[in-house]
Structure formats: C-alpha cells, structure tokens
C-alpha atoms as a PDB file:
ATOM      1  CA  MET A   1      -0.833  -3.907  46.137  1.00  0.00           C
ATOM      2  CA  ALA A   2       0.968  -6.775  47.943  1.00  0.00           C
ATOM      3  CA  GLN A   3       0.280 -10.282  46.849  1.00  0.00           C
ATOM      4  CA  TYR A   4      -0.118 -13.039  49.712  1.00  0.00           C
ATOM      5  CA  PHE A   5       0.910 -16.416  48.645  1.00  0.00           C
ATOM      6  CA  THR A   6      -1.261 -18.747  51.052  1.00  0.00           C
ATOM      7  CA  THR A   7      -0.576 -22.354  51.415  1.00  0.00           C
ATOM      8  CA  TYR A   8      -3.011 -25.088  53.042  1.00  0.00           C
ATOM      9  CA  THR A   9      -2.511 -27.959  54.947  1.00  0.00           C
ATOM     10  CA  ASP A  10      -4.286 -29.988  52.029  1.00  0.00           C
ATOM     11  CA  GLY A  11      -1.397 -28.796  49.851  1.00  0.00           C
ATOM     12  CA  SER A  12      -3.803 -26.500  47.730  1.00  0.00           C
ATOM     13  CA  GLU A  13      -2.127 -22.689  47.217  1.00  0.00           C
ATOM     14  CA  GLN A  14      -3.821 -19.480  46.399  1.00  0.00           C
ATOM     15  CA  HIS A  15      -2.648 -15.918  45.598  1.00  0.00           C
ATOM     16  CA  ILE A  16      -4.697 -13.289  47.462  1.00  0.00           C
ATOM     17  CA  PRO A  17      -4.066  -9.537  45.918  1.00  0.00           C
ATOM     18  CA  ALA A  18      -4.664  -7.322  49.396  1.00  0.00           C
ATOM     19  CA  ASP A  19      -2.878  -4.270  51.280  1.00  0.00           C
ATOM     20  CA  LYS A  20      -2.743  -6.096  54.438  1.00  0.00           C
ATOM     21  CA  VAL A  21      -3.735  -9.165  56.243  1.00  0.00           C
ATOM     22  CA  HIS A  22      -4.857  -9.781  60.347  1.00  0.00           C
ATOM     23  CA  PHE A  23      -5.917 -12.551  62.239  1.00  0.00           C
ATOM     24  CA  GLU A  24      -9.517 -11.811  63.539  1.00  0.00           C
ATOM     25  CA  THR A  25      -9.518 -13.698  67.146  1.00  0.00           C
ATOM     26  CA  ASP A  26     -13.332 -13.523  67.408  1.00  0.00           C
ATOM     27  CA  GLU A  27     -14.016 -15.192  64.044  1.00  0.00           C
ATOM     28  CA  ASP A  28     -11.145 -17.539  64.203  1.00  0.00           C
ATOM     29  CA  GLN A  29      -9.940 -16.391  60.623  1.00  0.00           C
ATOM     30  CA  TYR A  30      -7.354 -14.132  58.529  1.00  0.00           C
ATOM     31  CA  VAL A  31      -8.929 -11.392  57.065  1.00  0.00           C
ATOM     32  CA  PHE A  32      -7.404  -9.761  53.929  1.00  0.00           C
ATOM     33  CA  THR A  33      -8.219  -5.955  53.234  1.00  0.00           C
ATOM     34  CA  THR A  34      -7.781  -3.648  50.545  1.00  0.00           C
ATOM     35  CA  ASN A  35      -8.341   0.218  51.245  1.00  0.00           C
ATOM     36  CA  GLY A  36      -9.745  -1.088  54.749  1.00  0.00           C
ATOM     37  CA  GLU A  37     -12.241  -3.418  53.542  1.00  0.00           C
ATOM     38  CA  PRO A  38     -12.325  -7.268  53.748  1.00  0.00           C
ATOM     39  CA  THR A  39     -11.597  -8.851  50.227  1.00  0.00           C
ATOM     40  CA  ALA A  40     -11.033 -12.296  51.343  1.00  0.00           C
ATOM     41  CA  TYR A  41     -11.088 -14.601  54.107  1.00  0.00           C
ATOM     42  CA  ALA A  42      -9.269 -17.786  54.971  1.00  0.00           C
ATOM     43  CA  PRO A  43     -10.067 -19.984  58.146  1.00  0.00           C
ATOM     44  CA  ARG A  44      -7.261 -20.516  60.687  1.00  0.00           C
ATOM     45  CA  VAL A  45      -7.967 -24.446  60.661  1.00  0.00           C
ATOM     46  CA  GLY A  46      -6.451 -25.194  57.345  1.00  0.00           C
ATOM     47  CA  VAL A  47      -3.663 -22.633  56.761  1.00  0.00           C
ATOM     48  CA  LEU A  48      -0.207 -23.768  56.869  1.00  0.00           C
ATOM     49  CA  SER A  49       1.289 -20.438  55.852  1.00  0.00           C
ATOM     50  CA  ILE A  50       0.825 -16.775  54.419  1.00  0.00           C
ATOM     51  CA  VAL A  51       3.967 -15.288  52.861  1.00  0.00           C
ATOM     52  CA  ARG A  52       3.707 -11.653  51.537  1.00  0.00           C
ATOM     53  CA  MET A  53       5.561 -11.467  48.198  1.00  0.00           C
ATOM     54  CA  PRO A  54       7.526  -8.568  47.322  1.00  0.00           C
ATOM     55  CA  GLU A  55       5.737  -5.909  45.211  1.00  0.00           C
ATOM     56  CA  PRO A  56       6.917  -5.630  41.638  1.00  0.00           C
ATOM     57  CA  SER A  57       7.631  -2.234  41.902  1.00  0.00           C
ATOM     58  CA  GLN A  58      10.086  -2.838  44.567  1.00  0.00           C
ATOM     59  CA  SER A  59      12.073  -5.781  42.739  1.00  0.00           C
ATOM     60  CA  LYS A  60      15.572  -4.714  41.105  1.00  0.00           C
ATOM     61  CA  ALA A  61      16.432  -6.098  37.799  1.00  0.00           C
ATOM     62  CA  VAL A  62      19.612  -8.006  37.489  1.00  0.00           C
ATOM     63  CA  THR A  63      21.981  -6.332  35.034  1.00  0.00           C
ATOM     64  CA  GLY A  64      25.154  -8.035  33.771  1.00  0.00           C
END
C-alpha cells in the first residue's frame, strides 16, 4: 500500500496510507481509497501538495 505525504497551507503535514487518491469535483475534495473504498478525505482548499512516497518493497538498499 502506498503512503501519501500531504502538506497543508497552514504548515501541517499528514501521512495517509491508501492505494489511490483522486479529486472529486462534485464535492471539491481529494478522496484517498484502499481496495476501492474511501479511507480519507482532504478538502481542496488548504491542501498545498500531495506526494506519493515510494513503497518500502520498491526501495533498494545501498551497499558499499
């Protein structure tokens, strides 16, 4: 499952675990979903950025 790092215009931050995120135009909000079900919401007003973080299983170890 992906982790989304959400930054708000007031300087606060939130990590949201979800499979996907999309913008719902009718409700004017971002909807985070897991297995097709909504798990979190973020209003459009106040969201500065949403960044999908790499999944741990996709990270590579550095050896040297």
